[in-house]
């Protein structure tokens, strides 16, 4: 978990305790997913990411989600808050 929190800190949005800088303790670190975007659906877009084992993960966004400019096929790392919404969608360069 420390390694994952360090990755989140590099994203620039999380404090050392895992809370989201913009939202304080309301958003806590829950996990992450990584892989290519295989679908973008809905008005508050839902991103579908395929992980290394071929499983598709549906990731919900809301007005608090921070996103790099991404499109279908981009390799991303998604940090998910305990409320189940994506806190940050980070585009991975060079992949």
PDB file of N, CA and C in Angstrom:
ATOM      1  N   UNK A   1       0.813  -1.189   0.000  1.00  0.00           N
ATOM      2  CA  UNK A   1       0.000   0.000   0.000  1.00  0.00           C
ATOM      3  C   UNK A   1       0.858   1.255   0.000  1.00  0.00           C
ATOM      4  N   UNK A   2       2.006   1.250   0.685  1.00  0.00           N
ATOM      5  CA  UNK A   2       2.857   2.426   0.703  1.00  0.00           C
ATOM      6  C   UNK A   2       3.318   2.782  -0.701  1.00  0.00           C
ATOM      7  N   UNK A   3       3.685   1.759  -1.508  1.00  0.00           N
ATOM      8  CA  UNK A   3       4.122   2.007  -2.877  1.00  0.00           C
ATOM      9  C   UNK A   3       2.995   2.650  -3.675  1.00  0.00           C
ATOM     10  N   UNK A   4       1.766   2.146  -3.507  1.00  0.00           N
ATOM     11  CA  UNK A   4       0.627   2.698  -4.228  1.00  0.00           C
ATOM     12  C   UNK A   4       0.353   4.128  -3.790  1.00  0.00           C
ATOM     13  N   UNK A   5       0.475   4.426  -2.480  1.00  0.00           N
ATOM     14  CA  UNK A   5       0.264   5.785  -2.016  1.00  0.00           C
ATOM     15  C   UNK A   5       1.355   6.697  -2.548  1.00  0.00           C
ATOM     16  N   UNK A   6       2.581   6.190  -2.667  1.00  0.00           N
ATOM     17  CA  UNK A   6       3.657   7.001  -3.235  1.00  0.00           C
ATOM     18  C   UNK A   6       3.344   7.357  -4.677  1.00  0.00           C
ATOM     19  N   UNK A   7       2.797   6.406  -5.449  1.00  0.00           N
ATOM     20  CA  UNK A   7       2.398   6.701  -6.821  1.00  0.00           C
ATOM     21  C   UNK A   7       1.334   7.786  -6.845  1.00  0.00           C
ATOM     22  N   UNK A   8       0.388   7.723  -5.918  1.00  0.00           N
ATOM     23  CA  UNK A   8      -0.677   8.721  -5.859  1.00  0.00           C
ATOM     24  C   UNK A   8      -0.104  10.082  -5.498  1.00  0.00           C
ATOM     25  N   UNK A   9       0.859  10.110  -4.593  1.00  0.00           N
ATOM     26  CA  UNK A   9       1.478  11.379  -4.231  1.00  0.00           C
ATOM     27  C   UNK A   9       2.192  11.992  -5.429  1.00  0.00           C
ATOM     28  N   UNK A  10       2.800  11.155  -6.267  1.00  0.00           N
ATOM     29  CA  UNK A  10       3.444  11.665  -7.467  1.00  0.00           C
ATOM     30  C   UNK A  10       2.413  12.285  -8.402  1.00  0.00           C
ATOM     31  N   UNK A  11       1.174  11.806  -8.346  1.00  0.00           N
ATOM     32  CA  UNK A  11       0.119  12.372  -9.170  1.00  0.00           C
ATOM     33  C   UNK A  11      -0.206  13.785  -8.718  1.00  0.00           C
ATOM     34  N   UNK A  12       0.187  14.153  -7.480  1.00  0.00           N
ATOM     35  CA  UNK A  12       0.041  15.512  -7.025  1.00  0.00           C
ATOM     36  C   UNK A  12      -1.276  15.848  -6.357  1.00  0.00           C
ATOM     37  N   UNK A  13      -2.184  14.904  -6.213  1.00  0.00           N
ATOM     38  CA  UNK A  13      -3.491  15.213  -5.651  1.00  0.00           C
ATOM     39  C   UNK A  13      -3.722  14.653  -4.264  1.00  0.00           C
ATOM     40  N   UNK A  14      -2.828  13.839  -3.734  1.00  0.00           N
ATOM     41  CA  UNK A  14      -3.081  13.164  -2.478  1.00  0.00           C
ATOM     42  C   UNK A  14      -2.080  13.580  -1.421  1.00  0.00           C
ATOM     43  N   UNK A  15      -2.557  13.717  -0.187  1.00  0.00           N
ATOM     44  CA  UNK A  15      -1.704  13.979   0.961  1.00  0.00           C
ATOM     45  C   UNK A  15      -1.086  12.668   1.425  1.00  0.00           C
ATOM     46  N   UNK A  16      -0.128  12.737   2.336  1.00  0.00           N
ATOM     47  CA  UNK A  16       0.558  11.544   2.830  1.00  0.00           C
ATOM     48  C   UNK A  16      -0.392  10.570   3.520  1.00  0.00           C
ATOM     49  N   UNK A  17      -1.492  11.062   4.105  1.00  0.00           N
ATOM     50  CA  UNK A  17      -2.437  10.159   4.778  1.00  0.00           C
ATOM     51  C   UNK A  17      -3.425   9.519   3.811  1.00  0.00           C
ATOM     52  N   UNK A  18      -3.295   9.804   2.523  1.00  0.00           N
ATOM     53  CA  UNK A  18      -4.176   9.216   1.527  1.00  0.00           C
ATOM     54  C   UNK A  18      -5.388  10.055   1.213  1.00  0.00           C
ATOM     55  N   UNK A  19      -5.579  11.177   1.913  1.00  0.00           N
ATOM     56  CA  UNK A  19      -6.723  12.031   1.618  1.00  0.00           C
ATOM     57  C   UNK A  19      -6.438  12.871   0.378  1.00  0.00           C
ATOM     58  N   UNK A  20      -7.479  13.230  -0.306  1.00  0.00           N
ATOM     59  CA  UNK A  20      -7.376  14.012  -1.524  1.00  0.00           C
ATOM     60  C   UNK A  20      -7.186  15.479  -1.152  1.00  0.00           C
ATOM     61  N   UNK A  21      -6.213  16.153  -1.722  1.00  0.00           N
ATOM     62  CA  UNK A  21      -5.916  17.537  -1.351  1.00  0.00           C
ATOM     63  C   UNK A  21      -7.109  18.464  -1.547  1.00  0.00           C
ATOM     64  N   UNK A  22      -7.856  18.286  -2.617  1.00  0.00           N
ATOM     65  CA  UNK A  22      -8.965  19.187  -2.910  1.00  0.00           C
ATOM     66  C   UNK A  22     -10.182  18.924  -2.036  1.00  0.00           C
ATOM     67  N   UNK A  23     -10.315  17.721  -1.515  1.00  0.00           N
ATOM     68  CA  UNK A  23     -11.541  17.349  -0.833  1.00  0.00           C
ATOM     69  C   UNK A  23     -11.313  16.878   0.589  1.00  0.00           C
ATOM     70  N   UNK A  24     -10.109  17.034   1.119  1.00  0.00           N
ATOM     71  CA  UNK A  24      -9.833  16.641   2.489  1.00  0.00           C
ATOM     72  C   UNK A  24     -10.080  15.170   2.732  1.00  0.00           C
ATOM     73  N   UNK A  25     -10.648  14.870   3.885  1.00  0.00           N
ATOM     74  CA  UNK A  25     -10.804  13.476   4.273  1.00  0.00           C
ATOM     75  C   UNK A  25     -11.989  12.787   3.593  1.00  0.00           C
ATOM     76  N   UNK A  26     -12.843  13.534   2.863  1.00  0.00           N
ATOM     77  CA  UNK A  26     -13.996  12.918   2.213  1.00  0.00           C
ATOM     78  C   UNK A  26     -13.563  11.856   1.215  1.00  0.00           C
ATOM     79  N   UNK A  27     -12.494  12.113   0.484  1.00  0.00           N
ATOM     80  CA  UNK A  27     -11.982  11.134  -0.473  1.00  0.00           C
ATOM     81  C   UNK A  27     -10.720  10.501   0.095  1.00  0.00           C
ATOM     82  N   UNK A  28     -10.741   9.238   0.299  1.00  0.00           N
ATOM     83  CA  UNK A  28      -9.580   8.504   0.797  1.00  0.00           C
ATOM     84  C   UNK A  28      -9.118   7.522  -0.268  1.00  0.00           C
ATOM     85  N   UNK A  29      -7.854   7.241  -0.240  1.00  0.00           N
ATOM     86  CA  UNK A  29      -7.234   6.327  -1.191  1.00  0.00           C
ATOM     87  C   UNK A  29      -7.877   4.955  -1.107  1.00  0.00           C
ATOM     88  N   UNK A  30      -8.289   4.387  -2.219  1.00  0.00           N
ATOM     89  CA  UNK A  30      -8.906   3.068  -2.226  1.00  0.00           C
ATOM     90  C   UNK A  30      -8.164   2.084  -3.122  1.00  0.00           C
ATOM     91  N   UNK A  31      -7.607   2.531  -4.217  1.00  0.00           N
ATOM     92  CA  UNK A  31      -6.913   1.618  -5.111  1.00  0.00           C
ATOM     93  C   UNK A  31      -6.609   2.275  -6.441  1.00  0.00           C
ATOM     94  N   UNK A  32      -6.105   1.464  -7.363  1.00  0.00           N
ATOM     95  CA  UNK A  32      -5.810   1.995  -8.690  1.00  0.00           C
ATOM     96  C   UNK A  32      -5.960   0.893  -9.714  1.00  0.00           C
ATOM     97  N   UNK A  33      -6.142   1.325 -10.932  1.00  0.00           N
ATOM     98  CA  UNK A  33      -6.209   0.411 -12.070  1.00  0.00           C
ATOM     99  C   UNK A  33      -5.312   0.985 -13.154  1.00  0.00           C
ATOM    100  N   UNK A  34      -4.752   0.110 -13.986  1.00  0.00           N
ATOM    101  CA  UNK A  34      -3.876   0.561 -15.052  1.00  0.00           C
ATOM    102  C   UNK A  34      -4.117  -0.275 -16.289  1.00  0.00           C
ATOM    103  N   UNK A  35      -4.102   0.390 -17.450  1.00  0.00           N
ATOM    104  CA  UNK A  35      -4.266  -0.300 -18.719  1.00  0.00           C
ATOM    105  C   UNK A  35      -4.767   0.652 -19.780  1.00  0.00           C
ATOM    106  N   UNK A  36      -5.050   0.127 -20.965  1.00  0.00           N
ATOM    107  CA  UNK A  36      -5.551   0.982 -22.045  1.00  0.00           C
ATOM    108  C   UNK A  36      -7.049   1.257 -21.859  1.00  0.00           C
ATOM    109  N   UNK A  37      -7.474   2.428 -22.310  1.00  0.00           N
ATOM    110  CA  UNK A  37      -8.895   2.762 -22.317  1.00  0.00           C
ATOM    111  C   UNK A  37      -9.522   2.055 -23.514  1.00  0.00           C
ATOM    112  N   UNK A  38     -10.543   1.235 -23.259  1.00  0.00           N
ATOM    113  CA  UNK A  38     -11.195   0.490 -24.337  1.00  0.00           C
ATOM    114  C   UNK A  38     -12.593   1.033 -24.641  1.00  0.00           C
ATOM    115  N   UNK A  39     -13.125   1.904 -23.761  1.00  0.00           N
ATOM    116  CA  UNK A  39     -14.434   2.518 -24.017  1.00  0.00           C
ATOM    117  C   UNK A  39     -14.584   3.759 -23.148  1.00  0.00           C
ATOM    118  N   UNK A  40     -15.316   4.740 -23.679  1.00  0.00           N
ATOM    119  CA  UNK A  40     -15.699   5.937 -22.933  1.00  0.00           C
ATOM    120  C   UNK A  40     -17.185   6.099 -23.188  1.00  0.00           C
ATOM    121  N   UNK A  41     -18.008   6.083 -22.110  1.00  0.00           N
ATOM    122  CA  UNK A  41     -19.454   6.082 -22.264  1.00  0.00           C
ATOM    123  C   UNK A  41     -20.103   7.077 -21.314  1.00  0.00           C
ATOM    124  N   UNK A  42     -21.258   7.616 -21.680  1.00  0.00           N
ATOM    125  CA  UNK A  42     -22.086   8.420 -20.788  1.00  0.00           C
ATOM    126  C   UNK A  42     -21.759   9.889 -20.774  1.00  0.00           C
ATOM    127  N   UNK A  43     -22.610  10.655 -20.041  1.00  0.00           N
ATOM    128  CA  UNK A  43     -22.450  12.105 -19.975  1.00  0.00           C
ATOM    129  C   UNK A  43     -21.395  12.518 -18.965  1.00  0.00           C
ATOM    130  N   UNK A  44     -21.412  11.937 -17.779  1.00  0.00           N
ATOM    131  CA  UNK A  44     -20.268  12.036 -16.860  1.00  0.00           C
ATOM    132  C   UNK A  44     -19.490  10.791 -17.213  1.00  0.00           C
ATOM    133  N   UNK A  45     -18.524  10.905 -18.090  1.00  0.00           N
ATOM    134  CA  UNK A  45     -18.004   9.696 -18.732  1.00  0.00           C
ATOM    135  C   UNK A  45     -17.621   8.597 -17.748  1.00  0.00           C
ATOM    136  N   UNK A  46     -17.933   7.389 -18.162  1.00  0.00           N
ATOM    137  CA  UNK A  46     -17.430   6.189 -17.517  1.00  0.00           C
ATOM    138  C   UNK A  46     -16.326   5.676 -18.436  1.00  0.00           C
ATOM    139  N   UNK A  47     -15.185   5.397 -17.852  1.00  0.00           N
ATOM    140  CA  UNK A  47     -14.052   4.892 -18.625  1.00  0.00           C
ATOM    141  C   UNK A  47     -13.932   3.402 -18.365  1.00  0.00           C
ATOM    142  N   UNK A  48     -13.728   2.636 -19.412  1.00  0.00           N
ATOM    143  CA  UNK A  48     -13.505   1.202 -19.277  1.00  0.00           C
ATOM    144  C   UNK A  48     -12.039   0.962 -19.604  1.00  0.00           C
ATOM    145  N   UNK A  49     -11.328   0.374 -18.632  1.00  0.00           N
ATOM    146  CA  UNK A  49      -9.893   0.119 -18.754  1.00  0.00           C
ATOM    147  C   UNK A  49      -9.677  -1.387 -18.687  1.00  0.00           C
ATOM    148  N   UNK A  50      -8.851  -1.925 -19.585  1.00  0.00           N
ATOM    149  CA  UNK A  50      -8.524  -3.354 -19.587  1.00  0.00           C
ATOM    150  C   UNK A  50      -7.202  -3.542 -18.837  1.00  0.00           C
ATOM    151  N   UNK A  51      -7.236  -4.339 -17.772  1.00  0.00           N
ATOM    152  CA  UNK A  51      -6.021  -4.538 -16.980  1.00  0.00           C
ATOM    153  C   UNK A  51      -5.106  -5.581 -17.631  1.00  0.00           C
ATOM    154  N   UNK A  52      -3.969  -5.839 -17.006  1.00  0.00           N
ATOM    155  CA  UNK A  52      -2.958  -6.745 -17.564  1.00  0.00           C
ATOM    156  C   UNK A  52      -3.467  -8.182 -17.708  1.00  0.00           C
ATOM    157  N   UNK A  53      -4.491  -8.567 -16.939  1.00  0.00           N
ATOM    158  CA  UNK A  53      -5.049  -9.913 -17.021  1.00  0.00           C
ATOM    159  C   UNK A  53      -6.221  -9.989 -17.993  1.00  0.00           C
ATOM    160  N   UNK A  54      -6.497  -8.887 -18.696  1.00  0.00           N
ATOM    161  CA  UNK A  54      -7.559  -8.876 -19.684  1.00  0.00           C
ATOM    162  C   UNK A  54      -8.938  -8.561 -19.133  1.00  0.00           C
ATOM    163  N   UNK A  55      -9.043  -8.277 -17.830  1.00  0.00           N
ATOM    164  CA  UNK A  55     -10.331  -7.928 -17.229  1.00  0.00           C
ATOM    165  C   UNK A  55     -10.653  -6.469 -17.523  1.00  0.00           C
ATOM    166  N   UNK A  56     -11.900  -6.191 -17.812  1.00  0.00           N
ATOM    167  CA  UNK A  56     -12.318  -4.814 -18.048  1.00  0.00           C
ATOM    168  C   UNK A  56     -12.866  -4.225 -16.762  1.00  0.00           C
ATOM    169  N   UNK A  57     -12.390  -3.035 -16.421  1.00  0.00           N
ATOM    170  CA  UNK A  57     -12.794  -2.325 -15.209  1.00  0.00           C
ATOM    171  C   UNK A  57     -13.538  -1.062 -15.612  1.00  0.00           C
ATOM    172  N   UNK A  58     -14.770  -0.928 -15.151  1.00  0.00           N
ATOM    173  CA  UNK A  58     -15.566   0.276 -15.416  1.00  0.00           C
ATOM    174  C   UNK A  58     -15.282   1.272 -14.304  1.00  0.00           C
ATOM    175  N   UNK A  59     -14.884   2.474 -14.690  1.00  0.00           N
ATOM    176  CA  UNK A  59     -14.488   3.502 -13.732  1.00  0.00           C
ATOM    177  C   UNK A  59     -15.386   4.725 -13.890  1.00  0.00           C
ATOM    178  N   UNK A  60     -16.085   5.056 -12.818  1.00  0.00           N
ATOM    179  CA  UNK A  60     -17.029   6.171 -12.850  1.00  0.00           C
ATOM    180  C   UNK A  60     -16.316   7.466 -12.510  1.00  0.00           C
ATOM    181  N   UNK A  61     -16.773   8.564 -13.118  1.00  0.00           N
ATOM    182  CA  UNK A  61     -16.228   9.885 -12.833  1.00  0.00           C
ATOM    183  C   UNK A  61     -17.344  10.781 -12.319  1.00  0.00           C
ATOM    184  N   UNK A  62     -16.942  11.875 -11.674  1.00  0.00           N
ATOM    185  CA  UNK A  62     -17.887  12.902 -11.249  1.00  0.00           C
ATOM    186  C   UNK A  62     -17.201  14.252 -11.387  1.00  0.00           C
ATOM    187  N   UNK A  63     -17.828  15.306 -10.873  1.00  0.00           N
ATOM    188  CA  UNK A  63     -17.270  16.649 -11.057  1.00  0.00           C
ATOM    189  C   UNK A  63     -15.938  16.838 -10.338  1.00  0.00           C
ATOM    190  N   UNK A  64     -15.590  15.956  -9.419  1.00  0.00           N
ATOM    191  CA  UNK A  64     -14.335  16.067  -8.683  1.00  0.00           C
ATOM    192  C   UNK A  64     -13.192  15.294  -9.330  1.00  0.00           C
ATOM    193  N   UNK A  65     -13.483  14.493 -10.338  1.00  0.00           N
ATOM    194  CA  UNK A  65     -12.451  13.684 -10.979  1.00  0.00           C
ATOM    195  C   UNK A  65     -11.501  14.581 -11.766  1.00  0.00           C
ATOM    196  N   UNK A  66     -10.222  14.444 -11.508  1.00  0.00           N
ATOM    197  CA  UNK A  66      -9.198  15.156 -12.282  1.00  0.00           C
ATOM    198  C   UNK A  66      -8.750  14.228 -13.395  1.00  0.00           C
ATOM    199  N   UNK A  67      -8.692  14.750 -14.632  1.00  0.00           N
ATOM    200  CA  UNK A  67      -8.344  13.904 -15.779  1.00  0.00           C
ATOM    201  C   UNK A  67      -7.299  14.588 -16.649  1.00  0.00           C
ATOM    202  N   UNK A  68      -6.301  13.832 -17.041  1.00  0.00           N
ATOM    203  CA  UNK A  68      -5.434  14.284 -18.124  1.00  0.00           C
ATOM    204  C   UNK A  68      -6.246  14.133 -19.414  1.00  0.00           C
ATOM    205  N   UNK A  69      -5.904  14.875 -20.466  1.00  0.00           N
ATOM    206  CA  UNK A  69      -6.597  14.653 -21.744  1.00  0.00           C
ATOM    207  C   UNK A  69      -6.296  13.238 -22.249  1.00  0.00           C
ATOM    208  N   UNK A  70      -7.333  12.413 -22.346  1.00  0.00           N
ATOM    209  CA  UNK A  70      -7.169  11.028 -22.776  1.00  0.00           C
ATOM    210  C   UNK A  70      -8.192  10.682 -23.842  1.00  0.00           C
ATOM    211  N   UNK A  71      -7.869   9.638 -24.606  1.00  0.00           N
ATOM    212  CA  UNK A  71      -8.778   9.162 -25.649  1.00  0.00           C
ATOM    213  C   UNK A  71      -8.703   7.638 -25.691  1.00  0.00           C
ATOM    214  N   UNK A  72      -9.573   7.042 -26.476  1.00  0.00           N
ATOM    215  CA  UNK A  72      -9.559   5.586 -26.625  1.00  0.00           C
ATOM    216  C   UNK A  72      -8.169   5.099 -26.989  1.00  0.00           C
ATOM    217  N   UNK A  73      -7.742   4.021 -26.378  1.00  0.00           N
ATOM    218  CA  UNK A  73      -6.446   3.426 -26.672  1.00  0.00           C
ATOM    219  C   UNK A  73      -5.307   3.934 -25.821  1.00  0.00           C
ATOM    220  N   UNK A  74      -5.480   5.083 -25.144  1.00  0.00           N
ATOM    221  CA  UNK A  74      -4.415   5.608 -24.287  1.00  0.00           C
ATOM    222  C   UNK A  74      -4.201   4.701 -23.085  1.00  0.00           C
ATOM    223  N   UNK A  75      -2.957   4.532 -22.708  1.00  0.00           N
ATOM    224  CA  UNK A  75      -2.590   3.792 -21.496  1.00  0.00           C
ATOM    225  C   UNK A  75      -2.726   4.759 -20.324  1.00  0.00           C
ATOM    226  N   UNK A  76      -3.489   4.362 -19.301  1.00  0.00           N
ATOM    227  CA  UNK A  76      -3.736   5.236 -18.162  1.00  0.00           C
ATOM    228  C   UNK A  76      -3.537   4.488 -16.848  1.00  0.00           C
ATOM    229  N   UNK A  77      -3.321   5.256 -15.805  1.00  0.00           N
ATOM    230  CA  UNK A  77      -3.368   4.764 -14.433  1.00  0.00           C
ATOM    231  C   UNK A  77      -4.483   5.568 -13.777  1.00  0.00           C
ATOM    232  N   UNK A  78      -5.422   4.873 -13.141  1.00  0.00           N
ATOM    233  CA  UNK A  78      -6.574   5.533 -12.536  1.00  0.00           C
ATOM    234  C   UNK A  78      -6.539   5.304 -11.028  1.00  0.00           C
ATOM    235  N   UNK A  79      -6.564   6.395 -10.282  1.00  0.00           N
ATOM    236  CA  UNK A  79      -6.606   6.347  -8.832  1.00  0.00           C
ATOM    237  C   UNK A  79      -8.067   6.449  -8.415  1.00  0.00           C
ATOM    238  N   UNK A  80      -8.532   5.490  -7.637  1.00  0.00           N
ATOM    239  CA  UNK A  80      -9.937   5.404  -7.253  1.00  0.00           C
ATOM    240  C   UNK A  80     -10.077   5.722  -5.772  1.00  0.00           C
ATOM    241  N   UNK A  81     -11.027   6.604  -5.449  1.00  0.00           N
ATOM    242  CA  UNK A  81     -11.296   6.971  -4.057  1.00  0.00           C
ATOM    243  C   UNK A  81     -12.212   5.937  -3.406  1.00  0.00           C
ATOM    244  N   UNK A  82     -12.300   5.965  -2.082  1.00  0.00           N
ATOM    245  CA  UNK A  82     -13.137   5.004  -1.359  1.00  0.00           C
ATOM    246  C   UNK A  82     -14.607   5.137  -1.710  1.00  0.00           C
ATOM    247  N   UNK A  83     -15.026   6.302  -2.215  1.00  0.00           N
ATOM    248  CA  UNK A  83     -16.434   6.450  -2.602  1.00  0.00           C
ATOM    249  C   UNK A  83     -16.723   5.744  -3.925  1.00  0.00           C
ATOM    250  N   UNK A  84     -15.692   5.150  -4.551  1.00  0.00           N
ATOM    251  CA  UNK A  84     -15.871   4.377  -5.775  1.00  0.00           C
ATOM    252  C   UNK A  84     -15.662   5.147  -7.060  1.00  0.00           C
ATOM    253  N   UNK A  85     -15.515   6.458  -6.982  1.00  0.00           N
ATOM    254  CA  UNK A  85     -15.306   7.274  -8.175  1.00  0.00           C
ATOM    255  C   UNK A  85     -13.816   7.468  -8.436  1.00  0.00           C
ATOM    256  N   UNK A  86     -13.470   7.637  -9.704  1.00  0.00           N
ATOM    257  CA  UNK A  86     -12.086   7.920 -10.058  1.00  0.00           C
ATOM    258  C   UNK A  86     -11.725   9.303  -9.531  1.00  0.00           C
ATOM    259  N   UNK A  87     -10.624   9.385  -8.790  1.00  0.00           N
ATOM    260  CA  UNK A  87     -10.147  10.667  -8.285  1.00  0.00           C
ATOM    261  C   UNK A  87      -9.213  11.319  -9.310  1.00  0.00           C
ATOM    262  N   UNK A  88      -8.450  10.497 -10.027  1.00  0.00           N
ATOM    263  CA  UNK A  88      -7.485  11.029 -10.997  1.00  0.00           C
ATOM    264  C   UNK A  88      -7.255   9.999 -12.090  1.00  0.00           C
ATOM    265  N   UNK A  89      -7.371  10.428 -13.338  1.00  0.00           N
ATOM    266  CA  UNK A  89      -7.051   9.589 -14.492  1.00  0.00           C
ATOM    267  C   UNK A  89      -5.789  10.168 -15.119  1.00  0.00           C
ATOM    268  N   UNK A  90      -4.698   9.428 -14.974  1.00  0.00           N
ATOM    269  CA  UNK A  90      -3.382   9.893 -15.419  1.00  0.00           C
ATOM    270  C   UNK A  90      -2.986   9.170 -16.700  1.00  0.00           C
ATOM    271  N   UNK A  91      -2.698   9.933 -17.731  1.00  0.00           N
ATOM    272  CA  UNK A  91      -2.194   9.351 -18.983  1.00  0.00           C
ATOM    273  C   UNK A  91      -0.731   8.986 -18.765  1.00  0.00           C
ATOM    274  N   UNK A  92      -0.373   7.768 -19.176  1.00  0.00           N
ATOM    275  CA  UNK A  92       1.010   7.309 -19.077  1.00  0.00           C
ATOM    276  C   UNK A  92       1.690   7.559 -20.417  1.00  0.00           C
ATOM    277  N   UNK A  93       2.706   8.364 -20.418  1.00  0.00           N
ATOM    278  CA  UNK A  93       3.425   8.689 -21.658  1.00  0.00           C
ATOM    279  C   UNK A  93       4.353   7.552 -22.053  1.00  0.00           C
ATOM    280  N   UNK A  94       4.553   7.408 -23.340  1.00  0.00           N
ATOM    281  CA  UNK A  94       5.505   6.456 -23.854  1.00  0.00           C
ATOM    282  C   UNK A  94       5.049   5.012 -23.810  1.00  0.00           C
ATOM    283  N   UNK A  95       3.764   4.768 -23.587  1.00  0.00           N
ATOM    284  CA  UNK A  95       3.261   3.394 -23.542  1.00  0.00           C
ATOM    285  C   UNK A  95       2.149   3.225 -24.516  1.00  0.00           C
TER     286      UNK A  95
END
